[in-house]
Structures are given as structure tokens and as C-alpha cells.
Amino acid sequence: MNIFTMLTNDPVVMFSFGGLAIMLGICAYYVYYFIKHINEDTKS
């Protein structure tokens, strides 16, 4: 459990996980955005 407490208390790990979460959120938004616009183009 020493590794788990080190990972939860280390600010470098927290910033890394935060950056990954933001990046994955942006990627998910763009996937939604492109799929939405592709579906709108195929309807018309």
C-alpha cells in the first residue's frame, strides 16, 4: 500500500492524471462533434 499512498500524495502524479483527464475529455468532445456533423450531412 506504500505505492498507492505515494501515488495519491505526489503532486506530479496528480497533475499527470489531471492532464490526461482533460485531454480525454477534449478528445471525447471532438469525437462527438465530428460524429454529430457527419450524421447531419448524411441526412440532407
N, C-alpha and C. Protein backbone atom coordinates (compact mmCIF):
# COMPACT_ATOMS: atom_id res chain seq x y z
N MET A 1 0.81 -1.21 0.00
CA MET A 1 0.00 0.00 0.00
C MET A 1 0.85 1.26 0.00
N ASN A 2 2.14 1.13 0.21
CA ASN A 2 3.01 2.29 0.21
C ASN A 2 3.04 2.97 -1.15
N ILE A 3 2.99 2.18 -2.22
CA ILE A 3 2.99 2.76 -3.57
C ILE A 3 1.69 3.53 -3.81
N PHE A 4 0.56 2.97 -3.33
CA PHE A 4 -0.73 3.65 -3.53
C PHE A 4 -0.76 4.99 -2.81
N THR A 5 -0.27 5.05 -1.58
CA THR A 5 -0.26 6.33 -0.86
C THR A 5 0.71 7.30 -1.49
N MET A 6 1.82 6.80 -2.03
CA MET A 6 2.77 7.69 -2.71
C MET A 6 2.12 8.30 -3.95
N LEU A 7 1.38 7.47 -4.72
CA LEU A 7 0.74 7.97 -5.93
C LEU A 7 -0.35 8.98 -5.61
N THR A 8 -1.08 8.78 -4.52
CA THR A 8 -2.16 9.71 -4.19
C THR A 8 -1.65 11.00 -3.58
N ASN A 9 -0.45 11.00 -3.01
CA ASN A 9 0.07 12.21 -2.36
C ASN A 9 1.08 12.96 -3.22
N ASP A 10 1.49 12.41 -4.34
CA ASP A 10 2.51 13.04 -5.18
C ASP A 10 1.85 14.04 -6.13
N PRO A 11 2.23 15.31 -6.06
CA PRO A 11 1.59 16.30 -6.94
C PRO A 11 1.88 16.07 -8.42
N VAL A 12 3.03 15.49 -8.76
CA VAL A 12 3.35 15.24 -10.17
C VAL A 12 2.35 14.23 -10.74
N VAL A 13 2.02 13.20 -9.96
CA VAL A 13 1.06 12.20 -10.42
C VAL A 13 -0.32 12.83 -10.55
N MET A 14 -0.68 13.69 -9.62
CA MET A 14 -2.00 14.35 -9.69
C MET A 14 -2.11 15.22 -10.93
N PHE A 15 -1.06 15.99 -11.24
CA PHE A 15 -1.10 16.83 -12.44
C PHE A 15 -1.12 15.97 -13.70
N SER A 16 -0.43 14.84 -13.68
CA SER A 16 -0.44 13.95 -14.85
C SER A 16 -1.83 13.38 -15.08
N PHE A 17 -2.47 12.88 -14.01
CA PHE A 17 -3.82 12.35 -14.15
C PHE A 17 -4.80 13.45 -14.55
N GLY A 18 -4.61 14.65 -14.02
CA GLY A 18 -5.48 15.77 -14.40
C GLY A 18 -5.32 16.13 -15.87
N GLY A 19 -4.08 16.15 -16.34
CA GLY A 19 -3.84 16.45 -17.75
C GLY A 19 -4.41 15.38 -18.66
N LEU A 20 -4.26 14.11 -18.25
CA LEU A 20 -4.85 13.03 -19.05
C LEU A 20 -6.37 13.13 -19.08
N ALA A 21 -6.98 13.48 -17.95
CA ALA A 21 -8.44 13.60 -17.90
C ALA A 21 -8.91 14.73 -18.82
N ILE A 22 -8.21 15.85 -18.80
CA ILE A 22 -8.58 16.97 -19.68
C ILE A 22 -8.41 16.58 -21.14
N MET A 23 -7.30 15.92 -21.46
CA MET A 23 -7.05 15.51 -22.85
C MET A 23 -8.11 14.53 -23.32
N LEU A 24 -8.47 13.55 -22.49
CA LEU A 24 -9.50 12.58 -22.87
C LEU A 24 -10.86 13.26 -23.01
N GLY A 25 -11.14 14.25 -22.18
CA GLY A 25 -12.39 14.99 -22.31
C GLY A 25 -12.46 15.76 -23.62
N ILE A 26 -11.37 16.40 -24.01
CA ILE A 26 -11.32 17.12 -25.28
C ILE A 26 -11.47 16.15 -26.45
N CYS A 27 -10.80 15.00 -26.38
CA CYS A 27 -10.91 14.00 -27.44
C CYS A 27 -12.33 13.49 -27.56
N ALA A 28 -12.98 13.23 -26.43
CA ALA A 28 -14.37 12.75 -26.46
C ALA A 28 -15.29 13.81 -27.06
N TYR A 29 -15.05 15.08 -26.76
CA TYR A 29 -15.87 16.15 -27.33
C TYR A 29 -15.71 16.19 -28.85
N TYR A 30 -14.48 16.09 -29.35
CA TYR A 30 -14.28 16.14 -30.79
C TYR A 30 -14.86 14.92 -31.49
N VAL A 31 -14.80 13.75 -30.87
CA VAL A 31 -15.44 12.57 -31.46
C VAL A 31 -16.93 12.79 -31.57
N TYR A 32 -17.56 13.30 -30.49
CA TYR A 32 -18.99 13.60 -30.52
C TYR A 32 -19.31 14.66 -31.59
N TYR A 33 -18.48 15.70 -31.66
CA TYR A 33 -18.70 16.79 -32.60
C TYR A 33 -18.66 16.30 -34.04
N PHE A 34 -17.63 15.51 -34.40
CA PHE A 34 -17.50 15.04 -35.77
C PHE A 34 -18.58 14.03 -36.12
N ILE A 35 -18.93 13.13 -35.20
CA ILE A 35 -19.98 12.16 -35.49
C ILE A 35 -21.32 12.87 -35.68
N LYS A 36 -21.59 13.89 -34.86
CA LYS A 36 -22.84 14.66 -34.99
C LYS A 36 -22.92 15.34 -36.35
N HIS A 37 -21.83 15.95 -36.79
CA HIS A 37 -21.86 16.67 -38.07
C HIS A 37 -21.86 15.70 -39.26
N ILE A 38 -21.23 14.56 -39.12
CA ILE A 38 -21.28 13.59 -40.20
C ILE A 38 -22.70 13.06 -40.36
N ASN A 39 -23.37 12.80 -39.24
CA ASN A 39 -24.77 12.34 -39.31
C ASN A 39 -25.68 13.39 -39.90
N GLU A 40 -25.46 14.68 -39.60
CA GLU A 40 -26.27 15.75 -40.18
C GLU A 40 -26.03 15.86 -41.68
N ASP A 41 -24.81 15.66 -42.13
CA ASP A 41 -24.53 15.75 -43.57
C ASP A 41 -25.16 14.61 -44.34
N THR A 42 -25.22 13.43 -43.76
CA THR A 42 -25.79 12.29 -44.49
C THR A 42 -27.31 12.35 -44.54
N LYS A 43 -27.94 13.11 -43.64
CA LYS A 43 -29.40 13.20 -43.65
C LYS A 43 -29.89 14.08 -44.80
N SER A 44 -29.13 15.10 -45.16
CA SER A 44 -29.62 16.03 -46.19
C SER A 44 -29.16 15.67 -47.59
